[in-house]
Amino acid sequence: MTPAAPAPHGAPESTSATLPAARRYDVLVIGSGIAGLSFALKVARQGRSVAILTKKNKADSNTNWAQGGIAVVTAQTDDFAKHVADTLVAGDGLCDRKVVKQIVTDGPERVRELINLGLKFSRDDDGGYDLGREGGHSERRILHVKDMTGKAIEDALTKSIAREPRIALFEHFFAIDVVTTGKIAKRRGKKSASLAGPDRVAGVYALDVRDGRVVEFHAPVVMLSTGGAGQVYLYTTNPDIATGDGIAMAYRAGVEVRNMEFIQFHPTALYSPSGKRFLVSEAVRGEGAILRNADGEAFMARYHKLADLAPRDIVARAIDAEMKRTGAPHVWLDITHRNAAFLRSRFPLIYKACAEEGIDIAKDRIPVVPAAHYTCGGVATTLAAETTLPGLYACGEVACTGLHGANRLASNSLLEAVVMAHRGAASVDAYLKRIQKIDAPAPVIPPWRDLGGGDQDERVVIAHNWDELRRTMWDYVSIMRTTKRLERARTRIATLARETQEYYWNFSVDPRLLELRNLIQVAELVVACALQRKESRGLHAIAEYPKKLRKAADTRVRRR
């Protein structure tokens, strides 16, 4: 893989030890989804000063797009053992059993905290929770707010954040790279008291998108909660912001990344000839929707005993196989046996989105195709959200905790985010207490130097490379893979990396360039991990190795 630049634009040593108070914090949180906001709230309530950096508006996050809900044990007919077992089955032998058990058992208390913040989950006619069921679950256990659970959670958290005086929210600030004491010492070419000891976090460089300046944010702790990387593919259910920023930043900082070959393709994204992809929640199948092929056949029973409620990896591959067999551009999702009143109440967003495409889901079958949806691998962390770099933490989709294994069980993602945010906050509190006892001066991050210059007509490189990357990943590193296609992808991505890195070093940075840089890094990691895995397991299906190995193992990549 193409190595990242050793230091941003050759930043020189700072000549001032006086830092602007507005950019010096105990903790920096990168991202404003459920993981970052939950973590920030808990850390602030410990008495810490927190800055949240989000590259667009505070409500722009993968959380806001989450339709399904939170998988958590609440019903008397359910129990932790069943939830653990369902997660392990979906993860296809790669889940960390200890992690799964801890996150599942921590879930109910973390959900109660959300309810205490004002979150109101949907209720049934008897006043109890209206529990949904999704693929891979043996029981109804999905707490939801109709089909807009993510938005409801985001709203509850942002209202709480606004009332917390220890939290500063910086919208339109794009975190570029994590700065460590080792990078500062290398740039200065000398040692000082503040740079002594093992390499650790000193803060981040961030682009103020509105005025184009790059500034330094100083903090001994950085929490990466940047979400996933769906935009690395041509077709995705993810919002535009999902460009793998945190994964790329962690890798460039020397942190281990795991299992990036496991990209979950949601089986049912709304198909539109215009290229629009809108997520049609798995909860629709949980309420009885049936997948039908071009001939009208309900085909899923041929692929799995759970038929339409099989785990996502199996459903996505089945749809892909049916499309290839019939030559059809999509399959059909049929829920016409449910009445319109129920569908409008249970799935208001989906009902409206389909109506805008001329589809009445109470009368018409919905055309659906798979689309890139969730990154099951990511930055390797412990159960305390710690990475291998002291002071750097990761939480949410950006992280690889061991919960998901080779395939994520539906609606376990929001559960993981709130549980790991809580555990990460406790770990950060202990870390800050330890380093405060050392009583060493805080390291000073050198200011960024903008090299600028160059021919701005060359900006066509960004647009061209962005499109070529996403199409390459879709064509060569998608649902069904071959070694030859993976090797072709690696060659093409390496060329894109060289061109983009050259542009990065000769022009002022902007959001589109930074996102492309990160997406290319993520693409390299996905391909590298996919080539490591000589088997088909979970979300990774490769023609040359159709069987699973007897012993499951993680794939690991780390920048040397």
Protein backbone atom coordinates (compact mmCIF):
# COMPACT_ATOMS: atom_id res chain seq x y z
CA MET A 1 0.00 0.00 0.00
CA THR A 2 1.05 3.53 -0.66
CA PRO A 3 2.35 5.08 2.58
CA ALA A 4 0.76 8.25 3.87
CA ALA A 5 2.72 11.47 4.17
CA PRO A 6 5.00 11.56 7.24
CA ALA A 7 3.80 14.99 8.37
CA PRO A 8 1.16 17.34 6.97
CA HIS A 9 2.70 19.73 4.45
CA GLY A 10 6.01 19.89 6.32
CA ALA A 11 4.64 21.75 9.35
CA PRO A 12 7.49 23.62 11.12
CA GLU A 13 8.20 23.75 14.82
CA SER A 14 6.04 26.14 16.78
CA THR A 15 7.81 29.13 18.27
CA SER A 16 5.10 29.86 20.80
CA ALA A 17 4.18 27.93 23.92
CA THR A 18 1.01 29.96 24.39
CA LEU A 19 -2.01 28.19 22.90
CA PRO A 20 -5.38 29.73 22.11
CA ALA A 21 -7.66 28.59 24.94
CA ALA A 22 -10.47 27.99 22.43
CA ARG A 23 -8.49 25.12 20.86
CA ARG A 24 -7.17 23.38 23.99
CA TYR A 25 -9.33 20.66 25.52
CA ASP A 26 -9.16 17.54 27.65
CA VAL A 27 -10.86 15.47 24.95
CA LEU A 28 -11.50 15.83 21.22
CA VAL A 29 -14.39 13.89 19.67
CA ILE A 30 -14.29 13.48 15.89
CA GLY A 31 -17.82 12.88 14.61
CA SER A 32 -21.33 13.65 15.82
CA GLY A 33 -23.27 10.38 15.59
CA ILE A 34 -24.65 8.32 18.46
CA ALA A 35 -21.20 7.07 19.49
CA GLY A 36 -19.49 10.46 19.60
CA LEU A 37 -22.36 12.35 21.20
CA SER A 38 -22.98 9.68 23.86
CA PHE A 39 -19.28 9.59 24.71
CA ALA A 40 -18.95 13.39 24.79
CA LEU A 41 -21.90 13.74 27.16
CA LYS A 42 -20.50 11.19 29.59
CA VAL A 43 -16.97 12.64 29.56
CA ALA A 44 -18.27 16.18 30.08
CA ARG A 45 -20.25 15.00 33.09
CA GLN A 46 -16.98 13.75 34.54
CA GLY A 47 -15.87 17.39 34.57
CA ARG A 48 -13.76 17.29 31.39
CA SER A 49 -13.67 19.92 28.66
CA VAL A 50 -14.74 18.44 25.32
CA ALA A 51 -14.64 19.65 21.72
CA ILE A 52 -16.74 17.86 19.11
CA LEU A 53 -15.50 18.31 15.54
CA THR A 54 -17.89 17.47 12.73
CA LYS A 55 -17.04 18.09 9.10
CA LYS A 56 -20.54 19.20 8.14
CA ASN A 57 -23.63 20.02 10.22
CA LYS A 58 -24.01 18.42 13.64
CA ALA A 59 -26.95 16.30 12.45
CA ASP A 60 -25.06 14.88 9.44
CA SER A 61 -24.21 11.36 10.57
CA ASN A 62 -24.87 7.71 9.79
CA THR A 63 -26.97 7.61 12.97
CA ASN A 64 -29.50 9.97 11.42
CA TRP A 65 -30.01 7.50 8.58
CA ALA A 66 -30.54 4.45 10.81
CA GLN A 67 -34.10 3.23 10.26
CA GLY A 68 -34.26 -0.09 12.08
CA GLY A 69 -33.54 0.38 15.77
CA ILE A 70 -31.56 -0.99 18.70
CA ALA A 71 -31.34 -4.72 19.33
CA VAL A 72 -31.64 -5.21 23.08
CA VAL A 73 -33.20 -7.78 25.40
CA THR A 74 -36.37 -6.41 27.02
CA ALA A 75 -39.11 -9.01 26.45
CA GLN A 76 -39.85 -11.76 28.98
CA THR A 77 -39.67 -14.34 26.18
CA ASP A 78 -36.13 -13.21 25.31
CA ASP A 79 -32.83 -13.50 27.16
CA PHE A 80 -29.15 -12.59 26.85
CA ALA A 81 -28.15 -16.10 25.82
CA LYS A 82 -30.45 -15.97 22.78
CA HIS A 83 -29.15 -12.56 21.71
CA VAL A 84 -25.55 -13.72 22.15
CA ALA A 85 -26.25 -16.89 20.15
CA ASP A 86 -27.89 -14.95 17.31
CA THR A 87 -24.91 -12.57 17.15
CA LEU A 88 -22.42 -15.44 17.07
CA VAL A 89 -24.30 -17.21 14.27
CA ALA A 90 -24.46 -14.05 12.17
CA GLY A 91 -20.76 -13.36 12.78
CA ASP A 92 -19.87 -16.72 11.18
CA GLY A 93 -17.16 -17.80 13.61
CA LEU A 94 -15.24 -14.52 13.94
CA CYS A 95 -17.03 -12.82 16.83
CA ASP A 96 -15.19 -12.41 20.11
CA ARG A 97 -17.54 -14.26 22.48
CA LYS A 98 -16.43 -12.24 25.52
CA VAL A 99 -17.10 -8.96 23.71
CA VAL A 100 -20.48 -10.15 22.45
CA LYS A 101 -21.60 -11.20 25.93
CA GLN A 102 -20.44 -7.93 27.51
CA ILE A 103 -22.11 -5.66 24.96
CA VAL A 104 -25.36 -7.63 24.97
CA THR A 105 -25.61 -7.66 28.77
CA ASP A 106 -24.68 -3.97 29.07
CA GLY A 107 -27.36 -3.03 26.56
CA PRO A 108 -30.52 -2.60 28.68
CA GLU A 109 -28.90 -0.12 31.08
CA ARG A 110 -27.49 1.98 28.26
CA VAL A 111 -30.89 2.05 26.55
CA ARG A 112 -32.51 3.19 29.81
CA GLU A 113 -30.10 6.12 29.77
CA LEU A 114 -31.34 7.09 26.32
CA ILE A 115 -34.91 6.90 27.52
CA ASN A 116 -33.99 9.16 30.45
CA LEU A 117 -32.71 11.69 27.90
CA GLY A 118 -36.20 11.84 26.43
CA LEU A 119 -36.11 9.15 23.73
CA LYS A 120 -39.59 7.66 23.25
CA PHE A 121 -39.61 4.25 21.58
CA SER A 122 -42.71 3.12 19.70
CA ARG A 123 -45.36 1.35 21.78
CA ASP A 124 -47.95 -1.29 20.87
CA ASP A 125 -51.69 -1.15 21.52
CA ASP A 126 -51.22 -2.56 25.03
CA GLY A 127 -48.69 0.13 26.00
CA GLY A 128 -45.65 -2.13 25.85
CA TYR A 129 -42.71 -1.64 23.52
CA ASP A 130 -43.50 -2.43 19.89
CA LEU A 131 -40.60 -4.81 19.38
CA GLY A 132 -39.52 -5.42 15.80
CA ARG A 133 -37.80 -8.47 14.36
CA GLU A 134 -35.08 -8.44 11.72
CA GLY A 135 -32.95 -10.94 9.85
CA GLY A 136 -30.93 -13.33 12.03
CA HIS A 137 -32.89 -12.62 15.24
CA SER A 138 -34.69 -15.52 16.93
CA GLU A 139 -36.94 -13.15 18.90
CA ARG A 140 -38.59 -9.77 18.54
CA ARG A 141 -36.11 -7.48 20.32
CA ILE A 142 -35.70 -4.37 18.15
CA LEU A 143 -36.64 -1.17 19.97
CA HIS A 144 -37.52 1.46 17.38
CA VAL A 145 -39.12 4.83 16.76
CA LYS A 146 -41.22 3.90 13.71
CA ASP A 147 -38.63 3.78 10.87
CA MET A 148 -36.67 6.83 12.02
CA THR A 149 -34.90 5.53 15.13
CA GLY A 150 -31.54 7.08 14.30
CA LYS A 151 -32.98 10.55 13.89
CA ALA A 152 -34.88 10.28 17.18
CA ILE A 153 -31.69 9.25 19.02
CA GLU A 154 -29.68 12.00 17.36
CA ASP A 155 -32.28 14.60 18.36
CA ALA A 156 -32.31 13.46 21.99
CA LEU A 157 -28.53 13.53 22.23
CA THR A 158 -28.04 16.89 20.50
CA LYS A 159 -30.55 18.51 22.86
CA SER A 160 -28.61 17.16 25.84
CA ILE A 161 -25.29 18.27 24.33
CA ALA A 162 -26.64 21.81 23.88
CA ARG A 163 -27.35 22.01 27.61
CA GLU A 164 -23.84 20.89 28.63
CA PRO A 165 -21.51 23.90 29.16
CA ARG A 166 -18.33 21.79 29.07
CA ILE A 167 -18.93 20.77 25.45
CA ALA A 168 -17.98 22.95 22.48
CA LEU A 169 -19.37 21.87 19.11
CA PHE A 170 -17.41 22.87 16.01
CA GLU A 171 -19.44 22.37 12.84
CA HIS A 172 -17.69 22.38 9.45
CA PHE A 173 -14.30 21.40 10.93
CA PHE A 174 -12.73 18.49 9.04
CA ALA A 175 -10.19 16.53 11.11
CA ILE A 176 -7.23 15.77 8.84
CA ASP A 177 -4.81 13.75 10.94
CA VAL A 178 -4.01 12.75 14.49
CA VAL A 179 -0.86 14.45 15.78
CA THR A 180 1.33 12.46 18.17
CA THR A 181 4.31 13.33 20.35
CA GLY A 182 6.46 11.15 18.11
CA LYS A 183 5.52 13.15 15.01
CA ILE A 184 6.23 16.42 16.81
CA ALA A 185 9.62 15.20 18.03
CA LYS A 186 10.56 13.97 14.56
CA ARG A 187 9.68 17.33 13.05
CA ARG A 188 11.63 19.27 15.67
CA GLY A 189 14.58 16.93 15.59
CA LYS A 190 14.99 17.16 19.35
CA LYS A 191 13.54 15.89 22.59
CA SER A 192 11.82 17.80 25.37
CA ALA A 193 10.09 16.97 28.62
CA SER A 194 6.66 17.13 26.99
CA LEU A 195 7.70 14.65 24.28
CA ALA A 196 9.36 12.06 26.53
CA GLY A 197 8.05 8.52 26.87
CA PRO A 198 6.04 6.37 24.45
CA ASP A 199 4.35 7.94 21.45
CA ARG A 200 0.95 9.33 22.45
CA VAL A 201 -1.80 11.63 21.22
CA ALA A 202 -1.23 15.40 21.25
CA GLY A 203 -4.28 16.51 19.22
CA VAL A 204 -5.35 16.91 15.60
CA TYR A 205 -5.02 19.15 12.59
CA ALA A 206 -8.44 20.25 11.33
CA LEU A 207 -9.59 22.21 8.30
CA ASP A 208 -11.98 25.06 9.01
CA VAL A 209 -14.11 24.37 5.95
CA ARG A 210 -15.73 27.79 5.90
CA ASP A 211 -12.55 29.87 5.65
CA GLY A 212 -10.10 27.27 4.32
CA ARG A 213 -7.61 27.54 7.23
CA VAL A 214 -6.05 24.53 8.92
CA VAL A 215 -5.82 24.89 12.70
CA GLU A 216 -4.47 22.84 15.57
CA PHE A 217 -6.68 21.39 18.30
CA HIS A 218 -4.68 20.31 21.35
CA ALA A 219 -5.82 17.47 23.60
CA PRO A 220 -4.29 14.36 25.20
CA VAL A 221 -7.30 12.28 24.12
CA VAL A 222 -8.94 11.87 20.72
CA MET A 223 -12.07 9.76 20.25
CA LEU A 224 -12.67 8.68 16.65
CA SER A 225 -16.41 8.28 16.08
CA THR A 226 -16.53 9.07 12.38
CA GLY A 227 -18.78 6.23 11.22
CA GLY A 228 -18.20 3.98 8.26
CA ALA A 229 -16.95 4.12 4.69
CA GLY A 230 -19.86 3.29 2.40
CA GLN A 231 -18.89 6.01 -0.08
CA VAL A 232 -15.94 3.90 -1.18
CA TYR A 233 -18.51 2.04 -3.32
CA LEU A 234 -20.49 3.32 -6.30
CA TYR A 235 -23.82 2.34 -4.73
CA THR A 236 -24.39 2.78 -1.01
CA THR A 237 -27.10 3.44 1.53
CA ASN A 238 -24.72 5.72 3.44
CA PRO A 239 -24.83 9.52 3.51
CA ASP A 240 -22.18 11.54 1.66
CA ILE A 241 -20.13 11.96 4.87
CA ALA A 242 -19.30 8.23 5.16
CA THR A 243 -15.80 8.42 3.70
CA GLY A 244 -13.81 6.34 6.20
CA ASP A 245 -12.05 9.35 7.72
CA GLY A 246 -11.41 7.85 11.16
CA ILE A 247 -10.15 4.52 9.80
CA ALA A 248 -7.71 6.29 7.49
CA MET A 249 -6.52 8.66 10.26
CA ALA A 250 -5.90 5.78 12.66
CA TYR A 251 -4.00 3.77 10.06
CA ARG A 252 -1.78 6.76 9.22
CA ALA A 253 -1.10 7.12 12.96
CA GLY A 254 0.24 3.54 13.04
CA VAL A 255 -2.78 1.89 14.67
CA GLU A 256 -3.86 -1.63 13.72
CA VAL A 257 -6.89 -2.03 11.45
CA ARG A 258 -8.74 -5.35 11.25
CA ASN A 259 -11.16 -7.28 9.04
CA MET A 260 -11.76 -4.57 6.45
CA GLU A 261 -12.80 -7.16 3.86
CA PHE A 262 -16.13 -7.52 5.65
CA ILE A 263 -18.25 -4.83 4.02
CA GLN A 264 -21.92 -5.49 4.61
CA PHE A 265 -24.15 -4.96 1.59
CA HIS A 266 -27.68 -4.21 2.68
CA PRO A 267 -29.90 -6.55 0.67
CA THR A 268 -32.72 -4.11 0.06
CA ALA A 269 -31.94 -0.63 -1.21
CA LEU A 270 -34.64 0.97 -3.35
CA TYR A 271 -33.76 0.55 -7.03
CA SER A 272 -34.18 3.56 -9.28
CA PRO A 273 -32.95 3.90 -12.87
CA SER A 274 -31.67 7.35 -11.86
CA GLY A 275 -29.14 5.71 -9.52
CA LYS A 276 -30.90 6.78 -6.31
CA ARG A 277 -30.40 4.32 -3.46
CA PHE A 278 -32.70 4.59 -0.45
CA LEU A 279 -32.52 2.04 2.35
CA VAL A 280 -35.62 -0.14 2.71
CA SER A 281 -35.21 -1.34 6.28
CA GLU A 282 -34.86 -5.00 7.14
CA ALA A 283 -37.76 -4.37 9.51
CA VAL A 284 -40.04 -4.47 6.45
CA ARG A 285 -39.16 -8.15 6.04
CA GLY A 286 -39.55 -8.48 9.79
CA GLU A 287 -43.17 -7.46 9.30
CA GLY A 288 -43.71 -10.13 6.65
CA ALA A 289 -42.35 -8.76 3.35
CA ILE A 290 -41.32 -11.42 0.83
CA LEU A 291 -38.47 -11.23 -1.68
CA ARG A 292 -39.47 -12.30 -5.19
CA ASN A 293 -37.36 -12.71 -8.32
CA ALA A 294 -38.18 -11.51 -11.83
CA ASP A 295 -40.53 -14.48 -12.28
CA GLY A 296 -42.45 -13.59 -9.12
CA GLU A 297 -41.03 -16.59 -7.21
CA ALA A 298 -40.40 -16.29 -3.46
CA PHE A 299 -36.83 -17.56 -3.70
CA MET A 300 -35.21 -17.15 -0.28
CA ALA A 301 -36.32 -20.55 1.04
CA ARG A 302 -33.94 -22.09 -1.51
CA TYR A 303 -31.00 -20.34 0.12
CA HIS A 304 -31.65 -20.53 3.88
CA LYS A 305 -34.03 -22.12 6.38
CA LEU A 306 -34.98 -18.66 7.70
CA ALA A 307 -35.93 -17.61 4.16
CA ASP A 308 -36.51 -13.83 4.05
CA LEU A 309 -35.24 -13.43 7.63
CA ALA A 310 -31.85 -15.01 6.96
CA PRO A 311 -28.72 -13.01 7.94
CA ARG A 312 -27.85 -10.13 5.63
CA ASP A 313 -24.81 -11.67 3.98
CA ILE A 314 -26.86 -14.66 2.83
CA VAL A 315 -29.77 -12.52 1.60
CA ALA A 316 -27.49 -10.13 -0.31
CA ARG A 317 -25.69 -13.01 -2.07
CA ALA A 318 -29.00 -14.69 -2.86
CA ILE A 319 -30.35 -11.51 -4.46
CA ASP A 320 -27.10 -11.06 -6.39
CA ALA A 321 -27.33 -14.67 -7.63
CA GLU A 322 -30.98 -14.28 -8.69
CA MET A 323 -30.23 -11.06 -10.57
CA LYS A 324 -27.34 -12.72 -12.41
CA ARG A 325 -29.40 -15.85 -13.16
CA THR A 326 -32.36 -13.94 -14.63
CA GLY A 327 -30.50 -10.91 -15.98
CA ALA A 328 -32.88 -8.62 -14.11
CA PRO A 329 -31.59 -5.28 -12.76
CA HIS A 330 -33.34 -5.86 -9.40
CA VAL A 331 -35.60 -8.19 -7.43
CA TRP A 332 -38.94 -7.35 -5.79
CA LEU A 333 -39.86 -6.83 -2.13
CA ASP A 334 -43.53 -7.61 -1.64
CA ILE A 335 -45.50 -6.39 1.39
CA THR A 336 -48.77 -5.79 -0.42
CA HIS A 337 -50.57 -8.19 1.94
CA ARG A 338 -50.36 -5.57 4.73
CA ASN A 339 -52.83 -2.72 4.73
CA ALA A 340 -51.92 0.87 3.88
CA ALA A 341 -52.79 2.28 7.32
CA PHE A 342 -50.35 -0.08 9.03
CA LEU A 343 -47.59 0.60 6.50
CA ARG A 344 -47.97 4.38 6.73
CA SER A 345 -47.82 4.21 10.53
CA ARG A 346 -44.98 1.69 10.86
CA PHE A 347 -42.81 2.88 7.94
CA PRO A 348 -43.61 6.55 7.27
CA LEU A 349 -40.21 7.42 5.74
CA ILE A 350 -40.11 4.35 3.50
CA TYR A 351 -43.74 4.83 2.47
CA LYS A 352 -43.05 8.45 1.51
CA ALA A 353 -39.77 7.73 -0.30
CA CYS A 354 -41.37 4.99 -2.40
CA ALA A 355 -44.39 7.19 -3.13
CA GLU A 356 -42.03 9.84 -4.49
CA GLU A 357 -40.81 7.19 -6.96
CA GLY A 358 -44.39 6.35 -7.95
CA ILE A 359 -44.58 3.20 -5.81
CA ASP A 360 -47.52 2.55 -3.45
CA ILE A 361 -46.06 -0.16 -1.24
CA ALA A 362 -49.55 -1.25 -0.13
CA LYS A 363 -50.34 -2.12 -3.77
CA ASP A 364 -47.01 -2.34 -5.61
CA ARG A 365 -43.93 -4.50 -5.14
CA ILE A 366 -40.79 -2.52 -4.33
CA PRO A 367 -37.79 -2.91 -6.69
CA VAL A 368 -34.69 -3.51 -4.54
CA VAL A 369 -30.98 -4.23 -5.00
CA PRO A 370 -28.05 -4.68 -2.59
CA ALA A 371 -25.91 -1.63 -1.77
CA ALA A 372 -22.84 -1.08 0.43
CA HIS A 373 -24.13 -0.44 3.93
CA TYR A 374 -21.92 -1.18 6.94
CA THR A 375 -18.20 -1.58 7.65
CA CYS A 376 -17.81 -4.57 9.99
CA GLY A 377 -14.05 -4.16 10.32
CA GLY A 378 -12.20 -1.04 11.36
CA VAL A 379 -9.82 0.36 13.96
CA ALA A 380 -8.89 -2.41 16.39
CA THR A 381 -9.98 -1.62 19.94
CA THR A 382 -10.32 -3.23 23.33
CA LEU A 383 -13.58 -3.46 25.27
CA ALA A 384 -12.60 -0.07 26.72
CA ALA A 385 -12.53 1.51 23.21
CA GLU A 386 -8.71 1.82 23.46
CA THR A 387 -6.46 1.53 20.41
CA THR A 388 -2.76 0.64 20.49
CA LEU A 389 -1.85 4.37 20.52
CA PRO A 390 -2.12 5.88 24.03
CA GLY A 391 -4.77 8.58 24.04
CA LEU A 392 -6.47 7.42 20.83
CA TYR A 393 -9.88 5.78 21.17
CA ALA A 394 -12.46 4.61 18.65
CA CYS A 395 -16.16 3.93 19.01
CA GLY A 396 -19.06 3.02 16.73
CA GLU A 397 -18.80 1.86 13.13
CA VAL A 398 -15.22 3.14 12.80
CA ALA A 399 -14.09 0.56 15.38
CA CYS A 400 -13.57 -3.20 15.25
CA THR A 401 -14.39 -4.50 18.73
CA GLY A 402 -15.03 -8.15 17.89
CA LEU A 403 -18.82 -7.85 18.21
CA HIS A 404 -19.73 -8.23 14.54
CA GLY A 405 -17.19 -10.79 13.37
CA ALA A 406 -17.62 -11.59 9.69
CA ASN A 407 -21.15 -10.15 9.43
CA ARG A 408 -23.16 -7.72 11.55
CA LEU A 409 -26.42 -8.90 13.08
CA ALA A 410 -29.14 -6.37 12.23
CA SER A 411 -29.56 -3.46 14.70
CA ASN A 412 -26.52 -4.43 16.79
CA SER A 413 -24.70 -1.30 15.61
CA LEU A 414 -26.58 1.30 17.68
CA LEU A 415 -26.33 -1.07 20.64
CA GLU A 416 -22.56 -1.31 20.23
CA ALA A 417 -22.25 2.48 19.92
CA VAL A 418 -23.99 3.33 23.21
CA VAL A 419 -22.30 0.53 25.16
CA MET A 420 -18.81 1.29 23.90
CA ALA A 421 -19.29 5.04 24.40
CA HIS A 422 -19.99 4.34 28.07
CA ARG A 423 -17.06 1.99 28.47
CA GLY A 424 -14.77 4.35 26.55
CA ALA A 425 -15.73 7.27 28.81
CA ALA A 426 -14.72 5.29 31.90
CA SER A 427 -11.41 4.34 30.29
CA VAL A 428 -10.66 7.94 29.26
CA ASP A 429 -11.34 9.19 32.78
CA ALA A 430 -8.77 6.73 34.15
CA TYR A 431 -6.24 7.62 31.43
CA LEU A 432 -6.50 11.36 32.07
CA LYS A 433 -6.02 10.83 35.79
CA ARG A 434 -2.86 8.82 35.09
CA ILE A 435 -1.25 11.35 32.78
CA GLN A 436 -2.17 14.28 35.04
CA LYS A 437 -0.05 12.70 37.78
CA ILE A 438 2.99 12.94 35.50
CA ASP A 439 2.73 16.75 35.62
CA ALA A 440 4.64 17.27 32.36
CA PRO A 441 3.95 20.29 30.14
CA ALA A 442 1.45 19.64 27.36
CA PRO A 443 3.11 19.11 23.96
CA VAL A 444 2.70 21.98 21.50
CA ILE A 445 1.52 21.07 18.01
CA PRO A 446 3.42 22.93 15.27
CA PRO A 447 1.20 25.12 13.11
CA TRP A 448 0.20 23.86 9.68
CA ARG A 449 2.02 25.22 6.67
CA ASP A 450 -0.10 25.57 3.56
CA LEU A 451 2.08 24.94 0.52
CA GLY A 452 -0.74 25.89 -1.86
CA GLY A 453 0.24 26.78 -5.43
CA GLY A 454 -0.16 24.56 -8.44
CA ASP A 455 -2.47 24.73 -11.42
CA GLN A 456 -6.06 24.74 -10.17
CA ASP A 457 -7.17 23.37 -13.56
CA GLU A 458 -5.75 20.09 -12.27
CA ARG A 459 -8.71 19.82 -9.87
CA VAL A 460 -10.26 17.52 -12.44
CA VAL A 461 -7.96 14.89 -10.89
CA ILE A 462 -10.12 14.84 -7.76
CA ALA A 463 -13.42 14.32 -9.59
CA HIS A 464 -11.97 11.74 -11.95
CA ASN A 465 -10.18 9.74 -9.25
CA TRP A 466 -13.22 9.84 -6.98
CA ASP A 467 -15.44 8.29 -9.67
CA GLU A 468 -12.84 5.75 -10.80
CA LEU A 469 -12.18 4.58 -7.25
CA ARG A 470 -15.84 3.95 -6.44
CA ARG A 471 -16.51 2.16 -9.72
CA THR A 472 -13.37 0.03 -9.31
CA MET A 473 -14.48 -1.05 -5.84
CA TRP A 474 -18.00 -1.84 -7.05
CA ASP A 475 -16.84 -3.84 -10.07
CA TYR A 476 -13.91 -5.70 -8.47
CA VAL A 477 -14.40 -5.78 -4.67
CA SER A 478 -18.14 -6.22 -4.31
CA ILE A 479 -20.48 -9.02 -3.15
CA MET A 480 -18.75 -11.86 -5.03
CA ARG A 481 -14.97 -11.63 -5.47
CA THR A 482 -12.10 -13.34 -7.29
CA THR A 483 -8.38 -13.11 -6.67
CA LYS A 484 -7.80 -11.73 -10.16
CA ARG A 485 -10.33 -8.94 -9.68
CA LEU A 486 -8.86 -8.07 -6.28
CA GLU A 487 -5.38 -7.83 -7.80
CA ARG A 488 -6.69 -5.63 -10.59
CA ALA A 489 -8.32 -3.39 -8.01
CA ARG A 490 -5.07 -3.17 -6.04
CA THR A 491 -3.16 -2.04 -9.14
CA ARG A 492 -5.70 0.61 -10.09
CA ILE A 493 -6.05 1.93 -6.54
CA ALA A 494 -2.26 2.24 -6.22
CA THR A 495 -2.23 4.50 -9.30
CA LEU A 496 -5.05 6.62 -7.89
CA ALA A 497 -3.19 6.86 -4.58
CA ARG A 498 -0.01 8.15 -6.23
CA GLU A 499 -1.88 10.78 -8.24
CA THR A 500 -3.96 11.94 -5.28
CA GLN A 501 -0.99 12.06 -2.93
CA GLU A 502 0.93 14.18 -5.44
CA TYR A 503 -2.03 16.55 -5.61
CA TYR A 504 -2.24 16.62 -1.79
CA TRP A 505 1.37 17.80 -1.51
CA ASN A 506 1.06 20.53 -4.13
CA PHE A 507 -2.29 22.16 -3.46
CA SER A 508 -4.21 23.65 -0.56
CA VAL A 509 -6.42 21.03 1.06
CA ASP A 510 -10.20 21.11 0.81
CA PRO A 511 -12.92 18.66 1.96
CA ARG A 512 -13.23 16.84 -1.35
CA LEU A 513 -9.50 16.18 -1.56
CA LEU A 514 -9.32 15.04 2.06
CA GLU A 515 -12.27 12.68 1.59
CA LEU A 516 -10.73 11.21 -1.57
CA ARG A 517 -7.43 10.71 0.25
CA ASN A 518 -9.24 8.84 3.02
CA LEU A 519 -11.38 6.76 0.67
CA ILE A 520 -8.31 5.63 -1.25
CA GLN A 521 -6.66 4.61 2.01
CA VAL A 522 -9.78 2.65 3.01
CA ALA A 523 -9.96 0.98 -0.42
CA GLU A 524 -6.34 -0.15 -0.06
CA LEU A 525 -7.15 -1.62 3.36
CA VAL A 526 -10.25 -3.45 2.11
CA VAL A 527 -8.31 -5.02 -0.76
CA ALA A 528 -5.30 -5.88 1.42
CA CYS A 529 -7.50 -7.68 3.97
CA ALA A 530 -9.52 -9.42 1.22
CA LEU A 531 -6.33 -10.80 -0.34
CA GLN A 532 -5.20 -12.07 3.08
CA ARG A 533 -8.34 -14.16 3.57
CA LYS A 534 -8.06 -17.48 1.72
CA GLU A 535 -11.62 -18.62 2.45
CA SER A 536 -15.25 -17.57 2.05
CA ARG A 537 -16.65 -16.47 5.39
CA GLY A 538 -19.48 -14.13 6.28
CA LEU A 539 -19.47 -11.10 4.03
CA HIS A 540 -16.32 -12.17 2.17
CA ALA A 541 -17.15 -14.56 -0.66
CA ILE A 542 -14.33 -15.40 -3.08
CA ALA A 543 -14.62 -17.84 -5.98
CA GLU A 544 -11.23 -19.55 -5.56
CA TYR A 545 -11.82 -20.34 -1.88
CA PRO A 546 -15.51 -21.31 -1.54
CA LYS A 547 -15.11 -23.11 1.79
CA LYS A 548 -14.39 -21.86 5.30
CA LEU A 549 -11.13 -22.72 7.01
CA ARG A 550 -11.43 -24.81 10.14
CA LYS A 551 -9.94 -22.09 12.31
CA ALA A 552 -11.24 -18.55 11.98
CA ALA A 553 -8.75 -15.69 12.30
CA ASP A 554 -8.81 -11.91 11.95
CA THR A 555 -7.02 -10.13 9.10
CA ARG A 556 -4.73 -7.35 10.34
CA VAL A 557 -3.03 -4.41 8.66
CA ARG A 558 -0.75 -1.87 10.31
CA ARG A 559 1.39 0.86 8.82
CA ARG A 560 5.05 0.34 9.61
